[in-house]
PDB file of N, CA and C in Angstrom:
ATOM      1  N   MET A   1     -10.212  -7.549  -5.933  1.00  0.00           N
ATOM      2  CA  MET A   1     -11.146  -6.449  -5.768  1.00  0.00           C
ATOM      3  C   MET A   1     -10.469  -5.155  -6.201  1.00  0.00           C
ATOM      4  N   ARG A   2     -11.101  -4.426  -7.069  1.00  0.00           N
ATOM      5  CA  ARG A   2     -10.553  -3.160  -7.532  1.00  0.00           C
ATOM      6  C   ARG A   2     -11.228  -2.049  -6.746  1.00  0.00           C
ATOM      7  N   LYS A   3     -10.479  -1.417  -5.893  1.00  0.00           N
ATOM      8  CA  LYS A   3     -11.040  -0.330  -5.114  1.00  0.00           C
ATOM      9  C   LYS A   3     -10.121   0.872  -5.256  1.00  0.00           C
ATOM     10  N   ILE A   4     -10.711   1.983  -5.656  1.00  0.00           N
ATOM     11  CA  ILE A   4      -9.964   3.220  -5.814  1.00  0.00           C
ATOM     12  C   ILE A   4     -10.591   4.234  -4.879  1.00  0.00           C
ATOM     13  N   VAL A   5      -9.777   4.798  -4.006  1.00  0.00           N
ATOM     14  CA  VAL A   5     -10.268   5.768  -3.036  1.00  0.00           C
ATOM     15  C   VAL A   5      -9.563   7.095  -3.298  1.00  0.00           C
ATOM     16  N   GLU A   6     -10.335   8.144  -3.564  1.00  0.00           N
ATOM     17  CA  GLU A   6      -9.754   9.459  -3.846  1.00  0.00           C
ATOM     18  C   GLU A   6      -9.847  10.354  -2.618  1.00  0.00           C
ATOM     19  N   TYR A   7      -8.764  11.028  -2.324  1.00  0.00           N
ATOM     20  CA  TYR A   7      -8.716  12.051  -1.286  1.00  0.00           C
ATOM     21  C   TYR A   7      -8.250  13.335  -1.965  1.00  0.00           C
ATOM     22  N   ILE A   8      -9.178  14.116  -2.445  1.00  0.00           N
ATOM     23  CA  ILE A   8      -8.853  15.344  -3.161  1.00  0.00           C
ATOM     24  C   ILE A   8      -9.220  16.521  -2.258  1.00  0.00           C
ATOM     25  N   PHE A   9      -8.201  17.224  -1.782  1.00  0.00           N
ATOM     26  CA  PHE A   9      -8.414  18.347  -0.871  1.00  0.00           C
ATOM     27  C   PHE A   9      -8.531  19.664  -1.619  1.00  0.00           C
ATOM     28  N   CYS A  10      -7.900  19.749  -2.775  1.00  0.00           N
ATOM     29  CA  CYS A  10      -7.856  20.995  -3.538  1.00  0.00           C
ATOM     30  C   CYS A  10      -8.168  20.679  -4.995  1.00  0.00           C
ATOM     31  N   ARG A  11      -9.376  20.966  -5.424  1.00  0.00           N
ATOM     32  CA  ARG A  11      -9.798  20.639  -6.791  1.00  0.00           C
ATOM     33  C   ARG A  11      -9.053  21.453  -7.851  1.00  0.00           C
ATOM     34  N   ASP A  12      -8.513  22.606  -7.489  1.00  0.00           N
ATOM     35  CA  ASP A  12      -7.815  23.451  -8.455  1.00  0.00           C
ATOM     36  C   ASP A  12      -6.323  23.145  -8.550  1.00  0.00           C
ATOM     37  N   CYS A  13      -5.815  22.305  -7.675  1.00  0.00           N
ATOM     38  CA  CYS A  13      -4.388  21.987  -7.678  1.00  0.00           C
ATOM     39  C   CYS A  13      -4.037  21.162  -8.906  1.00  0.00           C
ATOM     40  N   LYS A  14      -2.827  21.317  -9.360  1.00  0.00           N
ATOM     41  CA  LYS A  14      -2.385  20.678 -10.598  1.00  0.00           C
ATOM     42  C   LYS A  14      -1.467  19.482 -10.355  1.00  0.00           C
ATOM     43  N   LYS A  15      -1.500  18.915  -9.149  1.00  0.00           N
ATOM     44  CA  LYS A  15      -0.658  17.749  -8.862  1.00  0.00           C
ATOM     45  C   LYS A  15      -1.474  16.748  -8.048  1.00  0.00           C
ATOM     46  N   VAL A  16      -1.435  15.497  -8.489  1.00  0.00           N
ATOM     47  CA  VAL A  16      -2.114  14.421  -7.783  1.00  0.00           C
ATOM     48  C   VAL A  16      -1.118  13.278  -7.590  1.00  0.00           C
ATOM     49  N   TYR A  17      -1.085  12.735  -6.385  1.00  0.00           N
ATOM     50  CA  TYR A  17      -0.237  11.600  -6.057  1.00  0.00           C
ATOM     51  C   TYR A  17      -1.054  10.318  -6.187  1.00  0.00           C
ATOM     52  N   PHE A  18      -0.491   9.328  -6.838  1.00  0.00           N
ATOM     53  CA  PHE A  18      -1.109   8.016  -6.949  1.00  0.00           C
ATOM     54  C   PHE A  18      -0.287   7.073  -6.090  1.00  0.00           C
ATOM     55  N   TYR A  19      -0.899   6.576  -5.040  1.00  0.00           N
ATOM     56  CA  TYR A  19      -0.167   5.718  -4.113  1.00  0.00           C
ATOM     57  C   TYR A  19      -0.472   4.256  -4.404  1.00  0.00           C
ATOM     58  N   LEU A  20       0.568   3.517  -4.751  1.00  0.00           N
ATOM     59  CA  LEU A  20       0.478   2.086  -5.010  1.00  0.00           C
ATOM     60  C   LEU A  20       1.102   1.363  -3.822  1.00  0.00           C
ATOM     61  N   HIS A  21       0.275   0.758  -3.012  1.00  0.00           N
ATOM     62  CA  HIS A  21       0.765   0.096  -1.795  1.00  0.00           C
ATOM     63  C   HIS A  21       1.472  -1.207  -2.133  1.00  0.00           C
ATOM     64  N   GLY A  22       2.118  -1.779  -1.136  1.00  0.00           N
ATOM     65  CA  GLY A  22       2.715  -3.101  -1.289  1.00  0.00           C
ATOM     66  C   GLY A  22       1.603  -4.127  -1.397  1.00  0.00           C
ATOM     67  N   GLY A  23       1.963  -5.308  -1.578  1.00  0.00           N
ATOM     68  CA  GLY A  23       0.901  -6.310  -1.685  1.00  0.00           C
ATOM     69  C   GLY A  23       1.375  -7.445  -2.557  1.00  0.00           C
ATOM     70  N   PRO A  24       0.611  -7.885  -3.461  1.00  0.00           N
ATOM     71  CA  PRO A  24      -0.656  -7.377  -3.972  1.00  0.00           C
ATOM     72  C   PRO A  24      -1.880  -8.052  -3.368  1.00  0.00           C
ATOM     73  N   LEU A  25      -1.689  -8.952  -2.446  1.00  0.00           N
ATOM     74  CA  LEU A  25      -2.811  -9.799  -2.027  1.00  0.00           C
ATOM     75  C   LEU A  25      -3.626  -9.237  -0.866  1.00  0.00           C
ATOM     76  N   PHE A  26      -3.699  -7.938  -0.776  1.00  0.00           N
ATOM     77  CA  PHE A  26      -4.587  -7.336   0.211  1.00  0.00           C
ATOM     78  C   PHE A  26      -5.096  -6.016  -0.334  1.00  0.00           C
ATOM     79  N   THR A  27      -6.132  -5.490   0.274  1.00  0.00           N
ATOM     80  CA  THR A  27      -6.767  -4.257  -0.168  1.00  0.00           C
ATOM     81  C   THR A  27      -6.769  -3.265   0.987  1.00  0.00           C
ATOM     82  N   LEU A  28      -6.383  -2.029   0.701  1.00  0.00           N
ATOM     83  CA  LEU A  28      -6.498  -0.962   1.695  1.00  0.00           C
ATOM     84  C   LEU A  28      -7.882  -0.335   1.561  1.00  0.00           C
ATOM     85  N   ARG A  29      -8.597  -0.260   2.660  1.00  0.00           N
ATOM     86  CA  ARG A  29      -9.938   0.323   2.623  1.00  0.00           C
ATOM     87  C   ARG A  29      -9.922   1.830   2.845  1.00  0.00           C
ATOM     88  N   ASN A  30      -8.878   2.336   3.529  1.00  0.00           N
ATOM     89  CA  ASN A  30      -8.785   3.770   3.796  1.00  0.00           C
ATOM     90  C   ASN A  30      -7.347   4.129   4.133  1.00  0.00           C
ATOM     91  N   TRP A  31      -7.092   5.419   4.264  1.00  0.00           N
ATOM     92  CA  TRP A  31      -5.733   5.904   4.474  1.00  0.00           C
ATOM     93  C   TRP A  31      -5.160   5.493   5.822  1.00  0.00           C
ATOM     94  N   GLN A  32      -5.997   5.212   6.817  1.00  0.00           N
ATOM     95  CA  GLN A  32      -5.499   4.871   8.147  1.00  0.00           C
ATOM     96  C   GLN A  32      -4.787   3.518   8.182  1.00  0.00           C
ATOM     97  N   GLU A  33      -4.990   2.702   7.188  1.00  0.00           N
ATOM     98  CA  GLU A  33      -4.420   1.358   7.191  1.00  0.00           C
ATOM     99  C   GLU A  33      -2.983   1.300   6.679  1.00  0.00           C
ATOM    100  N   ASP A  34      -2.422   2.427   6.289  1.00  0.00           N
ATOM    101  CA  ASP A  34      -1.071   2.437   5.734  1.00  0.00           C
ATOM    102  C   ASP A  34      -0.340   3.690   6.204  1.00  0.00           C
ATOM    103  N   PRO A  35       0.886   3.551   6.718  1.00  0.00           N
ATOM    104  CA  PRO A  35       1.600   4.725   7.231  1.00  0.00           C
ATOM    105  C   PRO A  35       1.904   5.783   6.166  1.00  0.00           C
ATOM    106  N   PHE A  36       2.217   5.350   4.946  1.00  0.00           N
ATOM    107  CA  PHE A  36       2.527   6.329   3.905  1.00  0.00           C
ATOM    108  C   PHE A  36       1.274   7.079   3.472  1.00  0.00           C
ATOM    109  N   ALA A  37       0.159   6.364   3.323  1.00  0.00           N
ATOM    110  CA  ALA A  37      -1.113   7.012   2.987  1.00  0.00           C
ATOM    111  C   ALA A  37      -1.526   7.965   4.110  1.00  0.00           C
ATOM    112  N   THR A  38      -1.251   7.592   5.343  1.00  0.00           N
ATOM    113  CA  THR A  38      -1.556   8.467   6.484  1.00  0.00           C
ATOM    114  C   THR A  38      -0.767   9.764   6.386  1.00  0.00           C
ATOM    115  N   MET A  39       0.513   9.665   5.999  1.00  0.00           N
ATOM    116  CA  MET A  39       1.333  10.869   5.844  1.00  0.00           C
ATOM    117  C   MET A  39       0.756  11.780   4.751  1.00  0.00           C
ATOM    118  N   LEU A  40       0.384  11.198   3.607  1.00  0.00           N
ATOM    119  CA  LEU A  40      -0.200  12.002   2.531  1.00  0.00           C
ATOM    120  C   LEU A  40      -1.486  12.675   2.998  1.00  0.00           C
ATOM    121  N   TYR A  41      -2.295  11.947   3.730  1.00  0.00           N
ATOM    122  CA  TYR A  41      -3.559  12.497   4.226  1.00  0.00           C
ATOM    123  C   TYR A  41      -3.302  13.635   5.220  1.00  0.00           C
ATOM    124  N   ASN A  42      -2.389  13.406   6.148  1.00  0.00           N
ATOM    125  CA  ASN A  42      -2.093  14.431   7.166  1.00  0.00           C
ATOM    126  C   ASN A  42      -1.505  15.695   6.553  1.00  0.00           C
ATOM    127  N   GLU A  43      -0.764  15.556   5.462  1.00  0.00           N
ATOM    128  CA  GLU A  43      -0.206  16.719   4.759  1.00  0.00           C
ATOM    129  C   GLU A  43      -1.210  17.319   3.776  1.00  0.00           C
ATOM    130  N   GLN A  44      -2.391  16.756   3.712  1.00  0.00           N
ATOM    131  CA  GLN A  44      -3.473  17.181   2.819  1.00  0.00           C
ATOM    132  C   GLN A  44      -3.012  17.279   1.364  1.00  0.00           C
ATOM    133  N   ARG A  45      -2.297  16.256   0.950  1.00  0.00           N
ATOM    134  CA  ARG A  45      -1.911  16.122  -0.458  1.00  0.00           C
ATOM    135  C   ARG A  45      -3.093  15.521  -1.209  1.00  0.00           C
ATOM    136  N   ASN A  46      -3.295  15.948  -2.422  1.00  0.00           N
ATOM    137  CA  ASN A  46      -4.287  15.295  -3.272  1.00  0.00           C
ATOM    138  C   ASN A  46      -3.718  13.937  -3.635  1.00  0.00           C
ATOM    139  N   PHE A  47      -4.409  12.869  -3.234  1.00  0.00           N
ATOM    140  CA  PHE A  47      -3.894  11.560  -3.597  1.00  0.00           C
ATOM    141  C   PHE A  47      -5.015  10.572  -3.857  1.00  0.00           C
ATOM    142  N   ILE A  48      -4.640   9.576  -4.621  1.00  0.00           N
ATOM    143  CA  ILE A  48      -5.556   8.510  -4.978  1.00  0.00           C
ATOM    144  C   ILE A  48      -4.915   7.208  -4.537  1.00  0.00           C
ATOM    145  N   LEU A  49      -5.622   6.486  -3.732  1.00  0.00           N
ATOM    146  CA  LEU A  49      -5.173   5.206  -3.208  1.00  0.00           C
ATOM    147  C   LEU A  49      -5.697   4.112  -4.135  1.00  0.00           C
ATOM    148  N   LEU A  50      -4.785   3.398  -4.763  1.00  0.00           N
ATOM    149  CA  LEU A  50      -5.169   2.389  -5.750  1.00  0.00           C
ATOM    150  C   LEU A  50      -4.943   0.986  -5.206  1.00  0.00           C
ATOM    151  N   ASN A  51      -5.935   0.151  -5.362  1.00  0.00           N
ATOM    152  CA  ASN A  51      -5.819  -1.263  -5.056  1.00  0.00           C
ATOM    153  C   ASN A  51      -5.813  -2.031  -6.372  1.00  0.00           C
ATOM    154  N   TYR A  52      -5.227  -3.199  -6.341  1.00  0.00           N
ATOM    155  CA  TYR A  52      -5.060  -3.999  -7.540  1.00  0.00           C
ATOM    156  C   TYR A  52      -6.168  -5.037  -7.635  1.00  0.00           C
ATOM    157  N   PRO A  53      -6.450  -5.498  -8.856  1.00  0.00           N
ATOM    158  CA  PRO A  53      -7.359  -6.642  -8.972  1.00  0.00           C
ATOM    159  C   PRO A  53      -6.619  -7.867  -8.432  1.00  0.00           C
ATOM    160  N   ILE A  54      -7.249  -8.627  -7.629  1.00  0.00           N
ATOM    161  CA  ILE A  54      -6.582  -9.799  -7.058  1.00  0.00           C
ATOM    162  C   ILE A  54      -6.822 -10.983  -7.987  1.00  0.00           C
ATOM    163  N   VAL A  55      -5.814 -11.270  -8.799  1.00  0.00           N
ATOM    164  CA  VAL A  55      -5.868 -12.382  -9.746  1.00  0.00           C
ATOM    165  C   VAL A  55      -4.655 -13.255  -9.458  1.00  0.00           C
ATOM    166  N   TYR A  56      -4.886 -14.508  -9.196  1.00  0.00           N
ATOM    167  CA  TYR A  56      -3.794 -15.416  -8.865  1.00  0.00           C
ATOM    168  C   TYR A  56      -3.192 -16.033 -10.126  1.00  0.00           C
ATOM    169  N   ASP A  57      -1.918 -16.346 -10.060  1.00  0.00           N
ATOM    170  CA  ASP A  57      -1.211 -17.115 -11.096  1.00  0.00           C
ATOM    171  C   ASP A  57      -1.061 -16.400 -12.434  1.00  0.00           C
ATOM    172  N   ASP A  58      -1.029 -15.074 -12.479  1.00  0.00           N
ATOM    173  CA  ASP A  58      -0.756 -14.419 -13.765  1.00  0.00           C
ATOM    174  C   ASP A  58       0.459 -13.509 -13.690  1.00  0.00           C
ATOM    175  N   GLY A  59       1.218 -13.593 -12.605  1.00  0.00           N
ATOM    176  CA  GLY A  59       2.473 -12.859 -12.489  1.00  0.00           C
ATOM    177  C   GLY A  59       2.337 -11.348 -12.458  1.00  0.00           C
ATOM    178  N   GLY A  60       1.196 -10.836 -12.034  1.00  0.00           N
ATOM    179  CA  GLY A  60       1.006  -9.391 -11.934  1.00  0.00           C
ATOM    180  C   GLY A  60       0.550  -8.723 -13.218  1.00  0.00           C
ATOM    181  N   ILE A  61       0.315  -9.492 -14.267  1.00  0.00           N
ATOM    182  CA  ILE A  61      -0.089  -8.914 -15.546  1.00  0.00           C
ATOM    183  C   ILE A  61      -1.409  -8.164 -15.414  1.00  0.00           C
ATOM    184  N   SER A  62      -2.370  -8.747 -14.723  1.00  0.00           N
ATOM    185  CA  SER A  62      -3.673  -8.089 -14.540  1.00  0.00           C
ATOM    186  C   SER A  62      -3.529  -6.798 -13.738  1.00  0.00           C
ATOM    187  N   ASP A  63      -2.687  -6.824 -12.719  1.00  0.00           N
ATOM    188  CA  ASP A  63      -2.469  -5.625 -11.900  1.00  0.00           C
ATOM    189  C   ASP A  63      -1.908  -4.497 -12.747  1.00  0.00           C
ATOM    190  N   TYR A  64      -0.855  -4.812 -13.517  1.00  0.00           N
ATOM    191  CA  TYR A  64      -0.222  -3.793 -14.340  1.00  0.00           C
ATOM    192  C   TYR A  64      -1.173  -3.270 -15.409  1.00  0.00           C
ATOM    193  N   GLN A  65      -1.908  -4.151 -16.057  1.00  0.00           N
ATOM    194  CA  GLN A  65      -2.849  -3.727 -17.101  1.00  0.00           C
ATOM    195  C   GLN A  65      -3.934  -2.821 -16.525  1.00  0.00           C
ATOM    196  N   PHE A  66      -4.470  -3.192 -15.369  1.00  0.00           N
ATOM    197  CA  PHE A  66      -5.485  -2.377 -14.697  1.00  0.00           C
ATOM    198  C   PHE A  66      -4.947  -0.980 -14.391  1.00  0.00           C
ATOM    199  N   LEU A  67      -3.759  -0.916 -13.794  1.00  0.00           N
ATOM    200  CA  LEU A  67      -3.173   0.380 -13.432  1.00  0.00           C
ATOM    201  C   LEU A  67      -2.858   1.210 -14.668  1.00  0.00           C
ATOM    202  N   LYS A  68      -2.308   0.584 -15.684  1.00  0.00           N
ATOM    203  CA  LYS A  68      -1.965   1.293 -16.913  1.00  0.00           C
ATOM    204  C   LYS A  68      -3.206   1.922 -17.543  1.00  0.00           C
ATOM    205  N   GLU A  69      -4.272   1.168 -17.629  1.00  0.00           N
ATOM    206  CA  GLU A  69      -5.516   1.699 -18.188  1.00  0.00           C
ATOM    207  C   GLU A  69      -6.058   2.847 -17.341  1.00  0.00           C
ATOM    208  N   TYR A  70      -5.979   2.690 -16.024  1.00  0.00           N
ATOM    209  CA  TYR A  70      -6.463   3.743 -15.126  1.00  0.00           C
ATOM    210  C   TYR A  70      -5.625   5.020 -15.281  1.00  0.00           C
ATOM    211  N   PHE A  71      -4.300   4.899 -15.313  1.00  0.00           N
ATOM    212  CA  PHE A  71      -3.427   6.070 -15.434  1.00  0.00           C
ATOM    213  C   PHE A  71      -3.670   6.803 -16.749  1.00  0.00           C
ATOM    214  N   TRP A  72      -3.745   6.068 -17.862  1.00  0.00           N
ATOM    215  CA  TRP A  72      -3.943   6.722 -19.160  1.00  0.00           C
ATOM    216  C   TRP A  72      -5.303   7.403 -19.226  1.00  0.00           C
ATOM    217  N   GLU A  73      -6.321   6.782 -18.662  1.00  0.00           N
ATOM    218  CA  GLU A  73      -7.641   7.400 -18.664  1.00  0.00           C
ATOM    219  C   GLU A  73      -7.641   8.660 -17.790  1.00  0.00           C
ATOM    220  N   TYR A  74      -6.975   8.608 -16.642  1.00  0.00           N
ATOM    221  CA  TYR A  74      -6.884   9.781 -15.770  1.00  0.00           C
ATOM    222  C   TYR A  74      -6.154  10.911 -16.492  1.00  0.00           C
ATOM    223  N   LYS A  75      -5.059  10.576 -17.153  1.00  0.00           N
ATOM    224  CA  LYS A  75      -4.276  11.585 -17.874  1.00  0.00           C
ATOM    225  C   LYS A  75      -5.091  12.189 -19.016  1.00  0.00           C
ATOM    226  N   ARG A  76      -5.879  11.354 -19.694  1.00  0.00           N
ATOM    227  CA  ARG A  76      -6.731  11.854 -20.775  1.00  0.00           C
ATOM    228  C   ARG A  76      -7.778  12.834 -20.234  1.00  0.00           C
ATOM    229  N   GLN A  77      -8.360  12.538 -19.085  1.00  0.00           N
ATOM    230  CA  GLN A  77      -9.387  13.397 -18.499  1.00  0.00           C
ATOM    231  C   GLN A  77      -8.804  14.632 -17.807  1.00  0.00           C
ATOM    232  N   HIS A  78      -7.540  14.560 -17.386  1.00  0.00           N
ATOM    233  CA  HIS A  78      -6.874  15.664 -16.673  1.00  0.00           C
ATOM    234  C   HIS A  78      -5.519  15.939 -17.317  1.00  0.00           C
ATOM    235  N   PRO A  79      -5.494  16.440 -18.549  1.00  0.00           N
ATOM    236  CA  PRO A  79      -4.227  16.572 -19.279  1.00  0.00           C
ATOM    237  C   PRO A  79      -3.235  17.555 -18.653  1.00  0.00           C
ATOM    238  N   ASN A  80      -3.690  18.507 -17.872  1.00  0.00           N
ATOM    239  CA  ASN A  80      -2.789  19.505 -17.287  1.00  0.00           C
ATOM    240  C   ASN A  80      -2.399  19.194 -15.848  1.00  0.00           C
ATOM    241  N   THR A  81      -2.773  18.037 -15.366  1.00  0.00           N
ATOM    242  CA  THR A  81      -2.444  17.645 -13.996  1.00  0.00           C
ATOM    243  C   THR A  81      -1.175  16.809 -13.988  1.00  0.00           C
ATOM    244  N   GLU A  82      -0.257  17.182 -13.116  1.00  0.00           N
ATOM    245  CA  GLU A  82       0.958  16.401 -12.949  1.00  0.00           C
ATOM    246  C   GLU A  82       0.618  15.180 -12.110  1.00  0.00           C
ATOM    247  N   MET A  83       0.974  14.010 -12.627  1.00  0.00           N
ATOM    248  CA  MET A  83       0.726  12.764 -11.927  1.00  0.00           C
ATOM    249  C   MET A  83       2.027  12.301 -11.278  1.00  0.00           C
ATOM    250  N   VAL A  84       1.973  12.063  -9.984  1.00  0.00           N
ATOM    251  CA  VAL A  84       3.139  11.571  -9.263  1.00  0.00           C
ATOM    252  C   VAL A  84       2.800  10.169  -8.768  1.00  0.00           C
ATOM    253  N   LEU A  85       3.539   9.181  -9.254  1.00  0.00           N
ATOM    254  CA  LEU A  85       3.308   7.804  -8.843  1.00  0.00           C
ATOM    255  C   LEU A  85       4.233   7.476  -7.683  1.00  0.00           C
ATOM    256  N   LEU A  86       3.653   7.033  -6.593  1.00  0.00           N
ATOM    257  CA  LEU A  86       4.421   6.621  -5.421  1.00  0.00           C
ATOM    258  C   LEU A  86       4.136   5.156  -5.181  1.00  0.00           C
ATOM    259  N   GLY A  87       5.166   4.356  -5.088  1.00  0.00           N
ATOM    260  CA  GLY A  87       4.955   2.941  -4.876  1.00  0.00           C
ATOM    261  C   GLY A  87       5.812   2.402  -3.759  1.00  0.00           C
ATOM    262  N   GLU A  88       5.204   1.557  -2.957  1.00  0.00           N
ATOM    263  CA  GLU A  88       5.914   0.908  -1.864  1.00  0.00           C
ATOM    264  C   GLU A  88       5.943  -0.585  -2.150  1.00  0.00           C
ATOM    265  N   SER A  89       7.113  -1.184  -2.122  1.00  0.00           N
ATOM    266  CA  SER A  89       7.296  -2.607  -2.342  1.00  0.00           C
ATOM    267  C   SER A  89       6.747  -3.005  -3.718  1.00  0.00           C
ATOM    268  N   TYR A  90       5.758  -3.863  -3.766  1.00  0.00           N
ATOM    269  CA  TYR A  90       5.165  -4.299  -5.033  1.00  0.00           C
ATOM    270  C   TYR A  90       4.633  -3.109  -5.832  1.00  0.00           C
ATOM    271  N   GLY A  91       4.079  -2.114  -5.154  1.00  0.00           N
ATOM    272  CA  GLY A  91       3.598  -0.907  -5.821  1.00  0.00           C
ATOM    273  C   GLY A  91       4.728  -0.146  -6.497  1.00  0.00           C
ATOM    274  N   GLY A  92       5.920  -0.150  -5.887  1.00  0.00           N
ATOM    275  CA  GLY A  92       7.081   0.485  -6.496  1.00  0.00           C
ATOM    276  C   GLY A  92       7.508  -0.224  -7.768  1.00  0.00           C
ATOM    277  N   TYR A  93       7.412  -1.535  -7.757  1.00  0.00           N
ATOM    278  CA  TYR A  93       7.709  -2.321  -8.954  1.00  0.00           C
ATOM    279  C   TYR A  93       6.753  -1.937 -10.090  1.00  0.00           C
ATOM    280  N   LEU A  94       5.450  -1.858  -9.795  1.00  0.00           N
ATOM    281  CA  LEU A  94       4.466  -1.494 -10.811  1.00  0.00           C
ATOM    282  C   LEU A  94       4.679  -0.064 -11.314  1.00  0.00           C
ATOM    283  N   ALA A  95       5.008   0.864 -10.409  1.00  0.00           N
ATOM    284  CA  ALA A  95       5.267   2.252 -10.808  1.00  0.00           C
ATOM    285  C   ALA A  95       6.474   2.322 -11.737  1.00  0.00           C
ATOM    286  N   SER A  96       7.496   1.525 -11.460  1.00  0.00           N
ATOM    287  CA  SER A  96       8.693   1.502 -12.311  1.00  0.00           C
ATOM    288  C   SER A  96       8.383   0.963 -13.701  1.00  0.00           C
ATOM    289  N   LEU A  97       7.556  -0.076 -13.773  1.00  0.00           N
ATOM    290  CA  LEU A  97       7.160  -0.615 -15.080  1.00  0.00           C
ATOM    291  C   LEU A  97       6.424   0.431 -15.906  1.00  0.00           C
ATOM    292  N   PHE A  98       5.497   1.128 -15.262  1.00  0.00           N
ATOM    293  CA  PHE A  98       4.736   2.149 -15.972  1.00  0.00           C
ATOM    294  C   PHE A  98       5.649   3.284 -16.426  1.00  0.00           C
ATOM    295  N   ALA A  99       6.558   3.711 -15.562  1.00  0.00           N
ATOM    296  CA  ALA A  99       7.479   4.797 -15.919  1.00  0.00           C
ATOM    297  C   ALA A  99       8.349   4.407 -17.113  1.00  0.00           C
ATOM    298  N   ALA A 100       8.848   3.181 -17.116  1.00  0.00           N
ATOM    299  CA  ALA A 100       9.684   2.731 -18.232  1.00  0.00           C
ATOM    300  C   ALA A 100       8.893   2.734 -19.535  1.00  0.00           C
ATOM    301  N   GLU A 101       7.660   2.255 -19.498  1.00  0.00           N
ATOM    302  CA  GLU A 101       6.834   2.242 -20.706  1.00  0.00           C
ATOM    303  C   GLU A 101       6.495   3.661 -21.149  1.00  0.00           C
ATOM    304  N   TYR A 102       6.205   4.533 -20.191  1.00  0.00           N
ATOM    305  CA  TYR A 102       5.876   5.934 -20.499  1.00  0.00           C
ATOM    306  C   TYR A 102       7.045   6.628 -21.178  1.00  0.00           C
ATOM    307  N   ILE A 103       8.237   6.426 -20.642  1.00  0.00           N
ATOM    308  CA  ILE A 103       9.438   7.048 -21.210  1.00  0.00           C
ATOM    309  C   ILE A 103       9.699   6.505 -22.614  1.00  0.00           C
ATOM    310  N   GLN A 104       9.589   5.193 -22.770  1.00  0.00           N
ATOM    311  CA  GLN A 104       9.823   4.594 -24.086  1.00  0.00           C
ATOM    312  C   GLN A 104       8.807   5.100 -25.101  1.00  0.00           C
ATOM    313  N   LYS A 105       7.552   5.222 -24.708  1.00  0.00           N
ATOM    314  CA  LYS A 105       6.501   5.655 -25.630  1.00  0.00           C
ATOM    315  C   LYS A 105       6.634   7.126 -26.010  1.00  0.00           C
ATOM    316  N   ASN A 106       6.990   7.972 -25.056  1.00  0.00           N
ATOM    317  CA  ASN A 106       6.971   9.412 -25.282  1.00  0.00           C
ATOM    318  C   ASN A 106       8.325  10.042 -25.585  1.00  0.00           C
ATOM    319  N   TYR A 107       9.402   9.352 -25.279  1.00  0.00           N
ATOM    320  CA  TYR A 107      10.726   9.952 -25.453  1.00  0.00           C
ATOM    321  C   TYR A 107      11.691   9.004 -26.144  1.00  0.00           C
ATOM    322  N   SER A 108      11.201   8.121 -26.992  1.00  0.00           N
ATOM    323  CA  SER A 108      12.055   7.099 -27.587  1.00  0.00           C
ATOM    324  C   SER A 108      13.147   7.680 -28.488  1.00  0.00           C
ATOM    325  N   ASN A 109      12.922   8.856 -29.069  1.00  0.00           N
ATOM    326  CA  ASN A 109      13.921   9.435 -29.960  1.00  0.00           C
ATOM    327  C   ASN A 109      14.750  10.529 -29.278  1.00  0.00           C
ATOM    328  N   LYS A 110      14.662  10.622 -27.968  1.00  0.00           N
ATOM    329  CA  LYS A 110      15.417  11.629 -27.227  1.00  0.00           C
ATOM    330  C   LYS A 110      16.277  10.939 -26.177  1.00  0.00           C
ATOM    331  N   ARG A 111      17.311  11.616 -25.784  1.00  0.00           N
ATOM    332  CA  ARG A 111      18.144  11.109 -24.707  1.00  0.00           C
ATOM    333  C   ARG A 111      17.453  11.449 -23.384  1.00  0.00           C
ATOM    334  N   VAL A 112      17.193  10.437 -22.595  1.00  0.00           N
ATOM    335  CA  VAL A 112      16.471  10.619 -21.334  1.00  0.00           C
ATOM    336  C   VAL A 112      17.316  10.045 -20.206  1.00  0.00           C
ATOM    337  N   HIS A 113      17.436  10.802 -19.144  1.00  0.00           N
ATOM    338  CA  HIS A 113      18.104  10.326 -17.940  1.00  0.00           C
ATOM    339  C   HIS A 113      17.035   9.871 -16.970  1.00  0.00           C
ATOM    340  N   GLN A 114      17.162   8.656 -16.505  1.00  0.00           N
ATOM    341  CA  GLN A 114      16.191   8.121 -15.568  1.00  0.00           C
ATOM    342  C   GLN A 114      16.846   7.989 -14.211  1.00  0.00           C
ATOM    343  N   TYR A 115      16.210   8.529 -13.210  1.00  0.00           N
ATOM    344  CA  TYR A 115      16.709   8.466 -11.848  1.00  0.00           C
ATOM    345  C   TYR A 115      15.702   7.723 -10.986  1.00  0.00           C
ATOM    346  N   CYS A 116      16.195   6.910 -10.101  1.00  0.00           N
ATOM    347  CA  CYS A 116      15.317   6.203  -9.179  1.00  0.00           C
ATOM    348  C   CYS A 116      15.520   6.793  -7.797  1.00  0.00           C
ATOM    349  N   LEU A 117      14.486   7.366  -7.241  1.00  0.00           N
ATOM    350  CA  LEU A 117      14.562   7.965  -5.910  1.00  0.00           C
ATOM    351  C   LEU A 117      13.375   7.472  -5.103  1.00  0.00           C
ATOM    352  N   SER A 118      13.595   6.501  -4.287  1.00  0.00           N
ATOM    353  CA  SER A 118      12.540   5.948  -3.429  1.00  0.00           C
ATOM    354  C   SER A 118      11.271   5.614  -4.191  1.00  0.00           C
ATOM    355  N   ARG A 119      11.422   5.146  -5.390  1.00  0.00           N
ATOM    356  CA  ARG A 119      10.286   4.711  -6.205  1.00  0.00           C
ATOM    357  C   ARG A 119       9.254   5.809  -6.406  1.00  0.00           C
ATOM    358  N   VAL A 120       9.705   7.005  -6.659  1.00  0.00           N
ATOM    359  CA  VAL A 120       8.827   8.130  -6.982  1.00  0.00           C
ATOM    360  C   VAL A 120       8.954   8.398  -8.461  1.00  0.00           C
ATOM    361  N   VAL A 121       7.839   8.458  -9.162  1.00  0.00           N
ATOM    362  CA  VAL A 121       7.855   8.654 -10.588  1.00  0.00           C
ATOM    363  C   VAL A 121       6.972   9.851 -10.920  1.00  0.00           C
ATOM    364  N   PHE A 122       7.519  10.847 -11.623  1.00  0.00           N
ATOM    365  CA  PHE A 122       6.752  12.018 -12.038  1.00  0.00           C
ATOM    366  C   PHE A 122       6.358  11.853 -13.492  1.00  0.00           C
ATOM    367  N   ILE A 123       5.090  12.072 -13.796  1.00  0.00           N
ATOM    368  CA  ILE A 123       4.618  11.974 -15.183  1.00  0.00           C
ATOM    369  C   ILE A 123       3.937  13.280 -15.547  1.00  0.00           C
TER     370      ILE A 123
END
């Protein structure tokens, strides 16, 4: 099930957090079901809670493809918004894959330093 829940408190703000929960075999229906999403909500951060398509036996390929398409479409529609990917457990793995592809695509001819800090990725 693909469910995307947006909590946008400030429409003029230029930063949105994308929270990728652990899983992948469950769906979060709202922010109260996850401690990290609860923290983002309580701090009134603009965030989008993303759930993955539940497809068995494909090694996460469908999940990654779904998220990648969603991120690129969001970036296309909001080119001046800073996207911050936050991932917990399996979500952190997916955020890291996207960050690696993003860096390779956009900075392949430059020297780039990549730092891993609690699976937080700034795009």
